[in-house]
Amino acid sequence: MNRYFVVIILILLVQSGRSQEMLGVTLGNYSGIAGTLVNPAVMTNNKVYLDINLISADIFVRNNFAYIPKEDFVIWDVFKPGYEYPTYGDDDRNVTYYKNTRLKHATMSTKVLGPSAMLQVGDHAFGITTGVRYFMSGNRIPWDIAELSYHGLDYTPLHNIEFDDYNTDMNASAWMEVGLSYAYNVYKSYDSHITAGISIKKLWGYGGANIDVNNVNYVVVDDSTINIKNMNGEAGFSLPVDYDNNDFIGGVTSFSGSGIGLDIGAVFVKKKEVDVNQWKGGKLCSQKYREYIYRVGVSILDIGRLKYSTNAQLHSFDDVSQYWASIDTLEFDNLNTFMGQISNTFYGDPEASLKANSIKVGLPTALSVQADVNMAKNIYFGGFWIHPVRINTRSMRRPAQLAFVPRYESKYFELNVPVSLYEYIYPRIGISARFYFLTIGTERLGTYLGMADMNGLDIYFSIKLGINKGSCKNKFGGACSNVNFGNNKKKGNNRY
């Protein structure tokens, strides 16, 4: 019980308070509505004028503390009959940890893009998205807290050492969203244009939590005693459980919070040739796609927050201290009892720490830059940069990433091989492939080849349908059948 208890106590009390990017789905010229996940302005810069996403999903987990060494485990081992996980230490734990004094970080992101669509009409493009997301981030977690959570309070190498930790936070939220996107070519010259785009999303929260640390100064005296000399911390939660008995309440349509999310962006495109046959109305299939030399986009993603006002509690511990003996005998069977005992320990009153019945969790706001160069026919070289922008420590933190993405792209097949730096420190190589309407990929290929420690996971897929620009069939007649719009008997229909 100690190791699970410590990670809650010494982080909770200690403080004062979307390869999640799916580069193989969001960056190409067939990205369609999925491209709005990185920049809503890309909708007018696609080879498709109509795109329908059936389902796309991504699972991403990463931490820099616990892991299974690459020589002991490959992800495919779990499918072997009778496979037993490796064990480490005297307690036979299934993971070991990196033995250093760096600050620890953890991120978990699950993103599902449900039925969604985009349509381009000349200089305008419209999109609608539906989705479900879960995001959790832990930032600046002290190494001593991490090691105590792994070993427990009986870990003597950390006894009788005074630790002074500060500025730690953990935030999490699960929500459903419905968004509307709009993009418009605001400036056009003979061989270039600038597009601006915006996505506005209504959010419904299933549950959220945050822990915000200002500082904690403490000493672990022995396996049952912690001397907390000073602590300033805050913890809030709104969960779909009954805090008196831990029973699950509600269902998939039961929401305890709501909010608004916003993405904004712009794209500059330098074309290879003058656009002399600009679309001036008529059939949408007659819209012409013209290849570019390069394009550059800038966007700010996930501006906004969720406010939880149902079944929510916010607890604050301001400038408190306690020589907490017999901490190992603390017993609780529900969340209300747990928080009540902690409040009673520091304030002598089980209700004194409760300060409010609502919490706010900020979205993982980030600044992103995208670039793409047309190297040769069907060959592109892309660049991608994303960096977290946090207004306060009650916001989820999106990890930083810098990636270079060589790409082969055609109507029926696409191959991406992203090479990236995660948090500007950890190098990664990924791969994704699109076969007509199906894309599958990862930005951590080494995990699947036994070339990297198992300290996280990343995999994504997408199933979508689109209709290319200039795809009108001859039988439609009129302007749509003109070869100037990319249609003739040899080329036929350009659907993908």
Protein backbone atom coordinates (compact mmCIF):
# COMPACT_ATOMS: atom_id res chain seq x y z
CA MET A 1 0.00 0.00 0.00
CA ASN A 2 2.93 2.34 0.74
CA ARG A 3 4.13 2.88 -2.81
CA TYR A 4 0.64 3.77 -4.07
CA PHE A 5 -0.05 5.93 -1.07
CA VAL A 6 3.16 7.91 -1.36
CA VAL A 7 2.61 8.94 -4.95
CA ILE A 8 -0.75 10.42 -3.90
CA ILE A 9 0.30 11.96 -0.59
CA LEU A 10 3.67 13.36 -1.57
CA ILE A 11 2.32 14.84 -4.78
CA LEU A 12 -1.21 15.69 -3.69
CA LEU A 13 -0.18 17.30 -0.39
CA VAL A 14 3.09 18.46 -1.72
CA GLN A 15 1.77 21.07 -3.93
CA SER A 16 -0.11 24.19 -4.22
CA GLY A 17 -2.47 23.55 -6.40
CA ARG A 18 -3.82 15.24 -30.30
CA SER A 19 2.45 10.34 -31.81
CA GLN A 20 -0.07 12.21 -30.45
CA GLU A 21 0.23 14.43 -33.52
CA MET A 22 -0.54 11.63 -36.04
CA LEU A 23 1.88 13.13 -38.58
CA GLY A 24 1.03 10.51 -41.21
CA VAL A 25 -2.63 11.58 -41.14
CA THR A 26 -2.51 15.34 -40.59
CA LEU A 27 0.32 16.69 -42.79
CA GLY A 28 -0.22 15.33 -46.32
CA ASN A 29 -2.14 16.72 -49.27
CA TYR A 30 -4.88 14.14 -48.70
CA SER A 31 -5.27 15.03 -45.01
CA GLY A 32 -8.76 16.50 -45.49
CA ILE A 33 -10.63 17.16 -42.27
CA ALA A 34 -7.88 15.50 -40.19
CA GLY A 35 -5.56 18.33 -41.20
CA THR A 36 -7.58 20.70 -39.01
CA LEU A 37 -6.09 18.91 -35.99
CA VAL A 38 -2.83 20.80 -36.67
CA ASN A 39 -4.09 23.82 -38.64
CA PRO A 40 -7.68 24.66 -39.69
CA ALA A 41 -6.38 26.70 -42.65
CA VAL A 42 -5.17 23.59 -44.53
CA MET A 43 -8.68 22.78 -45.74
CA THR A 44 -8.30 24.84 -48.93
CA ASN A 45 -4.86 23.37 -49.61
CA ASN A 46 -5.85 19.73 -50.21
CA LYS A 47 -6.02 17.56 -53.29
CA VAL A 48 -9.53 16.62 -52.17
CA TYR A 49 -12.50 18.95 -52.20
CA LEU A 50 -14.68 16.52 -50.23
CA ASP A 51 -13.34 14.43 -47.37
CA ILE A 52 -15.27 12.17 -45.00
CA ASN A 53 -13.57 10.76 -41.94
CA LEU A 54 -15.22 7.59 -40.67
CA ILE A 55 -12.91 7.09 -37.69
CA SER A 56 -9.37 8.02 -36.73
CA ALA A 57 -7.72 7.23 -33.42
CA ASP A 58 -4.42 7.69 -31.65
CA ILE A 59 -3.01 6.30 -28.40
CA PHE A 60 0.10 7.92 -26.96
CA VAL A 61 1.87 7.28 -23.63
CA ARG A 62 5.32 8.53 -22.62
CA ASN A 63 7.28 9.01 -19.38
CA ASN A 64 10.94 9.42 -18.47
CA PHE A 65 10.93 7.45 -15.20
CA ALA A 66 9.61 3.88 -15.38
CA TYR A 67 10.49 1.50 -18.22
CA ILE A 68 11.23 -2.05 -19.32
CA PRO A 69 14.70 -2.39 -20.91
CA LYS A 70 14.66 -3.09 -24.65
CA GLU A 71 16.70 -6.27 -24.20
CA ASP A 72 14.01 -7.69 -21.90
CA PHE A 73 10.82 -6.85 -23.75
CA VAL A 74 9.39 -6.23 -27.20
CA ILE A 75 5.72 -5.34 -27.49
CA TRP A 76 5.02 -8.45 -29.57
CA ASP A 77 5.99 -10.59 -26.56
CA VAL A 78 2.56 -10.06 -25.03
CA PHE A 79 1.05 -12.21 -27.80
CA LYS A 80 3.22 -15.22 -26.96
CA PRO A 81 1.32 -18.01 -25.17
CA GLY A 82 2.35 -18.25 -21.53
CA TYR A 83 4.59 -15.19 -21.70
CA GLU A 84 5.71 -13.85 -18.31
CA TYR A 85 6.77 -10.26 -17.88
CA PRO A 86 10.30 -9.58 -16.59
CA THR A 87 10.65 -8.61 -12.93
CA TYR A 88 13.06 -6.29 -11.15
CA GLY A 89 14.18 -5.72 -7.57
CA ASP A 90 13.40 -7.56 -4.36
CA ASP A 91 9.67 -6.99 -4.79
CA ASP A 92 9.62 -8.40 -8.34
CA ARG A 93 8.16 -5.30 -9.95
CA ASN A 94 7.44 -5.49 -13.68
CA VAL A 95 9.26 -2.23 -14.45
CA THR A 96 12.51 -0.65 -13.42
CA TYR A 97 13.39 3.05 -13.54
CA TYR A 98 16.01 5.48 -14.81
CA LYS A 99 18.32 6.20 -11.88
CA ASN A 100 19.01 9.93 -12.24
CA THR A 101 17.94 13.14 -10.55
CA ARG A 102 16.22 14.75 -13.52
CA LEU A 103 12.70 16.10 -13.16
CA LYS A 104 10.14 13.56 -14.33
CA HIS A 105 7.39 14.08 -16.88
CA ALA A 106 4.52 11.91 -18.06
CA THR A 107 1.94 12.31 -20.80
CA MET A 108 -0.99 10.17 -21.87
CA SER A 109 -3.21 11.12 -24.79
CA THR A 110 -6.06 9.21 -26.37
CA LYS A 111 -7.77 10.88 -29.29
CA VAL A 112 -10.70 9.56 -31.36
CA LEU A 113 -11.90 11.60 -34.33
CA GLY A 114 -15.41 10.34 -35.05
CA PRO A 115 -17.61 10.94 -38.10
CA SER A 116 -16.36 14.21 -39.58
CA ALA A 117 -16.25 15.91 -42.97
CA MET A 118 -14.92 18.87 -44.94
CA LEU A 119 -16.04 20.50 -48.18
CA GLN A 120 -14.22 23.11 -50.24
CA VAL A 121 -16.22 25.56 -52.33
CA GLY A 122 -13.81 27.76 -54.26
CA ASP A 123 -11.91 29.99 -51.84
CA HIS A 124 -14.00 28.75 -48.93
CA ALA A 125 -13.83 25.47 -47.00
CA PHE A 126 -16.14 24.19 -44.30
CA GLY A 127 -15.68 21.37 -41.83
CA ILE A 128 -17.46 19.61 -39.01
CA THR A 129 -15.79 17.29 -36.51
CA THR A 130 -16.86 15.01 -33.70
CA GLY A 131 -14.51 13.39 -31.27
CA VAL A 132 -13.61 12.10 -27.84
CA ARG A 133 -10.34 12.92 -26.08
CA TYR A 134 -8.50 12.03 -22.90
CA PHE A 135 -5.36 13.90 -21.91
CA MET A 136 -3.14 13.68 -18.83
CA SER A 137 0.12 15.45 -18.14
CA GLY A 138 2.46 15.38 -15.14
CA ASN A 139 5.17 18.04 -15.12
CA ARG A 140 8.29 18.71 -13.07
CA ILE A 141 7.70 15.69 -10.84
CA PRO A 142 10.71 15.52 -8.46
CA TRP A 143 12.92 12.45 -8.76
CA ASP A 144 12.64 11.79 -5.01
CA ILE A 145 8.85 11.63 -5.22
CA ALA A 146 9.10 9.26 -8.17
CA GLU A 147 11.53 6.94 -6.38
CA LEU A 148 9.45 6.90 -3.19
CA SER A 149 6.38 6.03 -5.25
CA TYR A 150 8.32 3.11 -6.72
CA HIS A 151 9.95 1.75 -3.54
CA GLY A 152 7.64 2.92 -0.76
CA LEU A 153 8.40 4.68 2.52
CA ASP A 154 10.70 1.86 3.63
CA TYR A 155 13.33 2.85 1.05
CA THR A 156 16.18 3.70 3.45
CA PRO A 157 18.48 5.53 0.93
CA LEU A 158 15.97 8.41 0.99
CA HIS A 159 15.47 8.48 4.77
CA ASN A 160 16.50 11.53 6.83
CA ILE A 161 17.19 13.70 3.80
CA GLU A 162 15.52 17.09 3.58
CA PHE A 163 13.91 17.63 0.18
CA ASP A 164 12.61 20.96 -1.07
CA ASP A 165 10.41 20.47 -4.15
CA TYR A 166 8.37 23.05 -6.00
CA ASN A 167 6.37 23.92 -9.14
CA THR A 168 4.96 20.46 -9.78
CA ASP A 169 1.60 19.95 -11.46
CA MET A 170 -0.59 17.17 -12.78
CA ASN A 171 -3.70 17.77 -14.88
CA ALA A 172 -6.14 15.44 -16.60
CA SER A 173 -9.46 15.64 -18.40
CA ALA A 174 -11.73 13.47 -20.54
CA TRP A 175 -14.21 15.13 -22.85
CA MET A 176 -16.38 14.92 -25.96
CA GLU A 177 -16.25 17.67 -28.58
CA VAL A 178 -18.13 18.86 -31.65
CA GLY A 179 -16.43 21.45 -33.81
CA LEU A 180 -17.09 23.69 -36.79
CA SER A 181 -14.20 24.78 -39.01
CA TYR A 182 -13.92 27.46 -41.67
CA ALA A 183 -11.04 28.44 -43.96
CA TYR A 184 -10.83 31.22 -46.55
CA ASN A 185 -8.21 32.30 -49.07
CA VAL A 186 -7.80 35.85 -47.80
CA TYR A 187 -5.08 36.83 -50.26
CA LYS A 188 -4.35 35.60 -53.80
CA SER A 189 -1.72 36.56 -56.35
CA TYR A 190 -0.85 34.94 -59.65
CA ASP A 191 1.34 32.22 -58.06
CA SER A 192 0.65 32.27 -54.31
CA HIS A 193 -2.08 32.64 -51.74
CA ILE A 194 -2.66 32.97 -48.00
CA THR A 195 -5.40 31.09 -46.22
CA ALA A 196 -6.76 31.81 -42.73
CA GLY A 197 -8.75 29.27 -40.76
CA ILE A 198 -10.55 28.79 -37.48
CA SER A 199 -12.13 25.89 -35.59
CA ILE A 200 -14.60 26.44 -32.76
CA LYS A 201 -15.43 23.45 -30.59
CA LYS A 202 -18.06 22.88 -27.96
CA LEU A 203 -16.72 20.65 -25.17
CA TRP A 204 -18.56 18.38 -22.75
CA GLY A 205 -16.42 17.04 -19.91
CA TYR A 206 -16.77 13.55 -18.46
CA GLY A 207 -14.31 14.21 -15.65
CA GLY A 208 -11.19 16.12 -14.73
CA ALA A 209 -8.59 16.63 -12.03
CA ASN A 210 -5.64 18.85 -11.25
CA ILE A 211 -2.91 18.99 -8.63
CA ASP A 212 -0.77 22.11 -8.48
CA VAL A 213 2.38 22.33 -6.37
CA ASN A 214 3.92 25.55 -5.16
CA ASN A 215 6.36 23.96 -2.74
CA VAL A 216 6.85 21.18 -0.21
CA ASN A 217 9.69 20.76 2.21
CA TYR A 218 9.77 17.33 3.84
CA VAL A 219 11.85 14.56 5.39
CA VAL A 220 11.01 10.86 5.36
CA VAL A 221 12.08 9.84 8.87
CA ASP A 222 11.35 6.12 8.60
CA ASP A 223 8.91 3.71 7.00
CA SER A 224 5.97 5.17 8.95
CA THR A 225 6.84 8.83 9.54
CA ILE A 226 7.03 11.91 7.33
CA ASN A 227 8.00 15.31 8.66
CA ILE A 228 6.30 17.85 6.38
CA LYS A 229 7.96 21.10 7.35
CA ASN A 230 6.10 23.32 4.95
CA MET A 231 3.65 22.76 2.16
CA ASN A 232 1.50 24.82 -0.20
CA GLY A 233 -0.70 22.80 -2.47
CA GLU A 234 -4.07 22.51 -4.15
CA ALA A 235 -5.99 19.54 -5.51
CA GLY A 236 -9.27 19.46 -7.40
CA PHE A 237 -11.33 16.72 -8.99
CA SER A 238 -14.65 16.06 -10.64
CA LEU A 239 -15.05 12.35 -11.29
CA PRO A 240 -17.95 10.08 -12.35
CA VAL A 241 -17.94 8.25 -9.01
CA ASP A 242 -19.80 8.46 -5.72
CA TYR A 243 -17.20 9.82 -3.31
CA ASP A 244 -18.87 8.03 -0.38
CA ASN A 245 -18.58 4.50 -1.79
CA ASN A 246 -16.48 4.80 -5.01
CA ASP A 247 -19.34 3.41 -7.13
CA PHE A 248 -19.41 4.53 -10.76
CA ILE A 249 -22.23 6.95 -11.57
CA GLY A 250 -23.58 8.28 -14.82
CA GLY A 251 -23.07 6.96 -18.33
CA VAL A 252 -21.53 7.92 -21.64
CA THR A 253 -23.89 10.90 -21.94
CA SER A 254 -23.41 12.05 -18.35
CA PHE A 255 -21.27 15.20 -18.25
CA SER A 256 -19.99 17.13 -15.25
CA GLY A 257 -18.32 19.99 -17.09
CA SER A 258 -18.34 22.05 -20.26
CA GLY A 259 -16.24 24.53 -22.16
CA ILE A 260 -15.17 26.02 -25.46
CA GLY A 261 -12.08 25.21 -27.51
CA LEU A 262 -10.53 27.23 -30.32
CA ASP A 263 -7.92 26.59 -33.03
CA ILE A 264 -6.69 29.34 -35.33
CA GLY A 265 -4.17 29.22 -38.14
CA ALA A 266 -2.87 30.54 -41.44
CA VAL A 267 -1.05 28.99 -44.42
CA PHE A 268 1.08 30.59 -47.13
CA VAL A 269 1.39 28.64 -50.40
CA LYS A 270 3.87 29.31 -53.21
CA LYS A 271 2.61 27.59 -56.36
CA LYS A 272 4.56 26.10 -59.25
CA GLU A 273 2.47 27.79 -61.89
CA VAL A 274 0.02 30.62 -62.39
CA ASP A 275 -3.57 29.70 -61.55
CA VAL A 276 -5.19 30.87 -64.79
CA ASN A 277 -8.24 28.61 -64.50
CA GLN A 278 -9.54 29.65 -61.11
CA TRP A 279 -12.86 28.12 -60.16
CA LYS A 280 -15.69 30.58 -60.66
CA GLY A 281 -18.64 28.39 -59.83
CA GLY A 282 -20.33 25.35 -61.30
CA LYS A 283 -19.86 21.79 -60.23
CA LEU A 284 -17.66 21.35 -57.17
CA CYS A 285 -15.82 18.49 -58.86
CA SER A 286 -14.42 20.96 -61.41
CA GLN A 287 -12.26 22.71 -58.82
CA LYS A 288 -8.63 22.55 -59.88
CA TYR A 289 -5.68 21.51 -57.70
CA ARG A 290 -2.37 23.14 -58.59
CA GLU A 291 0.90 21.81 -57.20
CA TYR A 292 3.02 24.04 -54.96
CA ILE A 293 6.72 24.67 -54.55
CA TYR A 294 6.38 25.04 -50.79
CA ARG A 295 3.87 25.98 -48.15
CA VAL A 296 4.24 27.21 -44.56
CA GLY A 297 1.56 27.20 -41.87
CA VAL A 298 1.32 28.65 -38.36
CA SER A 299 -1.39 27.77 -35.84
CA ILE A 300 -2.35 27.98 -32.19
CA LEU A 301 -4.21 24.89 -31.03
CA ASP A 302 -6.51 24.03 -28.12
CA ILE A 303 -7.15 27.50 -26.77
CA GLY A 304 -9.73 27.19 -23.98
CA ARG A 305 -10.65 25.25 -20.88
CA LEU A 306 -13.24 23.03 -19.24
CA LYS A 307 -15.11 24.05 -16.11
CA TYR A 308 -16.43 21.26 -13.91
CA SER A 309 -19.23 22.26 -11.54
CA THR A 310 -20.92 18.90 -10.92
CA ASN A 311 -19.60 16.49 -8.28
CA ALA A 312 -16.50 18.70 -7.98
CA GLN A 313 -14.23 19.48 -5.04
CA LEU A 314 -11.29 21.85 -4.72
CA HIS A 315 -9.03 21.36 -1.68
CA SER A 316 -6.32 23.80 -0.67
CA PHE A 317 -3.42 23.36 1.77
CA ASP A 318 -1.87 26.75 2.48
CA ASP A 319 1.39 27.03 4.41
CA VAL A 320 0.72 23.88 6.44
CA SER A 321 3.12 21.58 8.30
CA GLN A 322 2.85 18.31 10.20
CA TYR A 323 5.11 15.72 11.83
CA TRP A 324 3.05 12.79 10.58
CA ALA A 325 3.77 9.66 12.57
CA SER A 326 2.14 6.29 11.86
CA ILE A 327 1.21 7.40 8.37
CA ASP A 328 1.31 3.77 7.30
CA THR A 329 -1.76 3.07 9.46
CA LEU A 330 -3.95 5.55 7.59
CA GLU A 331 -7.05 3.72 6.38
CA PHE A 332 -9.74 4.84 3.97
CA ASP A 333 -12.29 3.17 1.72
CA ASN A 334 -13.60 6.13 -0.27
CA LEU A 335 -12.44 9.50 -1.55
CA ASN A 336 -14.40 11.59 0.95
CA THR A 337 -12.84 9.71 3.86
CA PHE A 338 -9.39 10.04 2.30
CA MET A 339 -9.62 13.82 1.83
CA GLY A 340 -11.30 14.25 5.22
CA GLN A 341 -8.44 12.52 7.05
CA ILE A 342 -5.83 14.58 5.23
CA SER A 343 -7.70 17.80 6.06
CA ASN A 344 -8.03 16.73 9.66
CA THR A 345 -4.31 15.99 9.87
CA PHE A 346 -3.29 19.47 8.76
CA TYR A 347 -6.17 21.62 10.01
CA GLY A 348 -7.80 19.57 12.77
CA ASP A 349 -11.06 19.71 10.79
CA PRO A 350 -12.08 17.17 8.10
CA GLU A 351 -13.83 19.87 6.07
CA ALA A 352 -11.38 22.76 6.40
CA SER A 353 -9.43 22.01 3.21
CA LEU A 354 -12.51 22.13 0.97
CA LYS A 355 -12.51 25.59 -0.64
CA ALA A 356 -14.85 25.30 -3.64
CA ASN A 357 -17.24 23.02 -5.50
CA SER A 358 -15.91 23.65 -8.99
CA ILE A 359 -12.59 23.26 -10.81
CA LYS A 360 -11.13 24.43 -14.11
CA VAL A 361 -8.80 22.45 -16.35
CA GLY A 362 -7.11 24.24 -19.23
CA LEU A 363 -6.70 22.56 -22.62
CA PRO A 364 -3.21 21.57 -23.84
CA THR A 365 -2.64 24.81 -25.75
CA ALA A 366 0.29 24.82 -28.18
CA LEU A 367 1.95 26.84 -30.92
CA SER A 368 2.60 24.91 -34.12
CA VAL A 369 4.51 25.57 -37.34
CA GLN A 370 4.21 23.32 -40.38
CA ALA A 371 6.27 23.45 -43.58
CA ASP A 372 6.23 21.32 -46.72
CA VAL A 373 8.44 21.37 -49.81
CA ASN A 374 7.67 19.63 -53.10
CA MET A 375 10.99 17.96 -53.95
CA ALA A 376 9.89 16.05 -57.08
CA LYS A 377 6.86 14.28 -58.47
CA ASN A 378 5.14 12.56 -55.52
CA ILE A 379 8.10 13.35 -53.23
CA TYR A 380 7.75 15.87 -50.39
CA PHE A 381 9.80 16.92 -47.40
CA GLY A 382 7.88 18.27 -44.44
CA GLY A 383 8.79 19.97 -41.20
CA PHE A 384 6.70 20.14 -38.04
CA TRP A 385 7.23 22.00 -34.78
CA ILE A 386 4.93 22.20 -31.79
CA HIS A 387 5.61 23.87 -28.46
CA PRO A 388 3.39 24.10 -25.35
CA VAL A 389 1.86 27.43 -24.38
CA ARG A 390 0.62 27.40 -20.80
CA ILE A 391 -1.23 30.30 -19.23
CA ASN A 392 -1.12 28.69 -15.78
CA THR A 393 -0.28 25.40 -14.06
CA ARG A 394 -3.94 24.31 -14.10
CA SER A 395 -3.64 23.61 -17.81
CA MET A 396 -2.66 20.34 -19.40
CA ARG A 397 0.76 20.48 -21.04
CA ARG A 398 1.24 19.27 -24.61
CA PRO A 399 4.80 17.96 -25.12
CA ALA A 400 7.18 19.79 -27.44
CA GLN A 401 8.16 18.08 -30.66
CA LEU A 402 10.35 18.90 -33.64
CA ALA A 403 10.00 16.61 -36.66
CA PHE A 404 11.24 16.25 -40.23
CA VAL A 405 8.97 14.15 -42.41
CA PRO A 406 10.07 12.85 -45.83
CA ARG A 407 7.01 11.60 -47.71
CA TYR A 408 6.02 9.72 -50.85
CA GLU A 409 2.45 10.58 -51.78
CA SER A 410 0.08 9.41 -54.49
CA LYS A 411 -3.65 8.86 -54.79
CA TYR A 412 -3.58 5.24 -53.66
CA PHE A 413 -0.45 5.04 -51.55
CA GLU A 414 1.44 7.28 -49.14
CA LEU A 415 4.52 6.60 -47.01
CA ASN A 416 5.83 8.88 -44.24
CA VAL A 417 9.05 8.37 -42.25
CA PRO A 418 9.10 11.07 -39.54
CA VAL A 419 12.35 11.69 -37.67
CA SER A 420 11.66 13.71 -34.53
CA LEU A 421 13.00 15.08 -31.27
CA TYR A 422 10.52 14.62 -28.43
CA GLU A 423 10.84 17.39 -25.82
CA TYR A 424 13.97 18.48 -27.76
CA ILE A 425 15.89 15.62 -26.12
CA TYR A 426 14.66 12.18 -27.15
CA PRO A 427 15.20 11.14 -30.81
CA ARG A 428 12.56 8.98 -32.47
CA ILE A 429 11.92 7.44 -35.86
CA GLY A 430 8.39 6.62 -37.00
CA ILE A 431 6.59 5.29 -40.02
CA SER A 432 3.10 5.49 -41.46
CA ALA A 433 1.50 4.15 -44.61
CA ARG A 434 -1.78 4.97 -46.34
CA PHE A 435 -3.37 2.36 -48.55
CA TYR A 436 -6.20 4.10 -50.39
CA PHE A 437 -8.56 4.92 -47.47
CA LEU A 438 -6.68 3.23 -44.59
CA THR A 439 -3.73 4.78 -42.75
CA ILE A 440 -1.78 3.17 -39.92
CA GLY A 441 1.34 4.52 -38.28
CA THR A 442 3.53 5.21 -35.26
CA GLU A 443 6.09 7.82 -34.31
CA ARG A 444 7.98 5.33 -32.12
CA LEU A 445 9.05 2.57 -34.49
CA GLY A 446 11.83 1.43 -32.16
CA THR A 447 9.23 0.25 -29.64
CA TYR A 448 7.99 -2.35 -32.10
CA LEU A 449 11.43 -3.43 -33.33
CA GLY A 450 13.00 -3.97 -29.92
CA MET A 451 15.36 -1.01 -30.47
CA ALA A 452 14.03 1.23 -27.66
CA ASP A 453 13.12 0.84 -24.01
CA MET A 454 9.44 0.36 -23.31
CA ASN A 455 8.74 3.69 -21.61
CA GLY A 456 5.74 4.57 -23.72
CA LEU A 457 3.61 3.66 -26.69
CA ASP A 458 2.34 5.35 -29.82
CA ILE A 459 0.05 4.03 -32.53
CA TYR A 460 -2.63 5.55 -34.72
CA PHE A 461 -4.92 4.71 -37.60
CA SER A 462 -7.45 6.41 -39.86
CA ILE A 463 -10.28 5.27 -42.13
CA LYS A 464 -11.55 7.98 -44.45
CA LEU A 465 -12.91 8.64 -47.93
CA GLY A 466 -12.31 11.57 -50.24
CA ILE A 467 -12.99 12.83 -53.75
CA ASN A 468 -10.20 14.60 -55.60
CA LYS A 469 -10.41 17.98 -57.23
CA GLY A 470 -10.86 17.72 -61.01
CA SER A 471 -12.63 14.39 -60.61
CA CYS A 472 -15.71 15.05 -62.76
CA LYS A 473 -16.74 12.21 -65.05
CA ASN A 474 -17.39 12.84 -68.73
CA LYS A 475 -20.98 11.73 -68.39
CA PHE A 476 -21.68 14.84 -66.31
CA GLY A 477 -20.98 17.00 -69.39
CA GLY A 478 -20.38 20.71 -69.42
CA ALA A 479 -17.33 22.36 -67.95
CA CYS A 480 -16.59 19.42 -65.67
CA SER A 481 -15.58 17.26 -68.60
CA ASN A 482 -13.03 19.78 -69.91
CA VAL A 483 -9.44 18.55 -69.83
CA ASN A 484 -8.45 21.88 -68.26
CA PHE A 485 -10.04 20.62 -65.08
CA GLY A 486 -7.85 17.54 -64.94
CA ASN A 487 -10.29 15.14 -66.58
CA ASN A 488 -9.98 13.12 -69.75
CA LYS A 489 -10.63 9.60 -70.87
CA LYS A 490 -7.15 8.45 -69.93
CA LYS A 491 -7.23 9.88 -66.45
CA GLY A 492 -10.79 8.88 -65.68
CA ASN A 493 -12.12 9.35 -62.18
CA ASN A 494 -9.74 10.61 -59.52
CA ARG A 495 -11.41 9.33 -56.40
CA TYR A 496 -9.36 7.86 -53.62
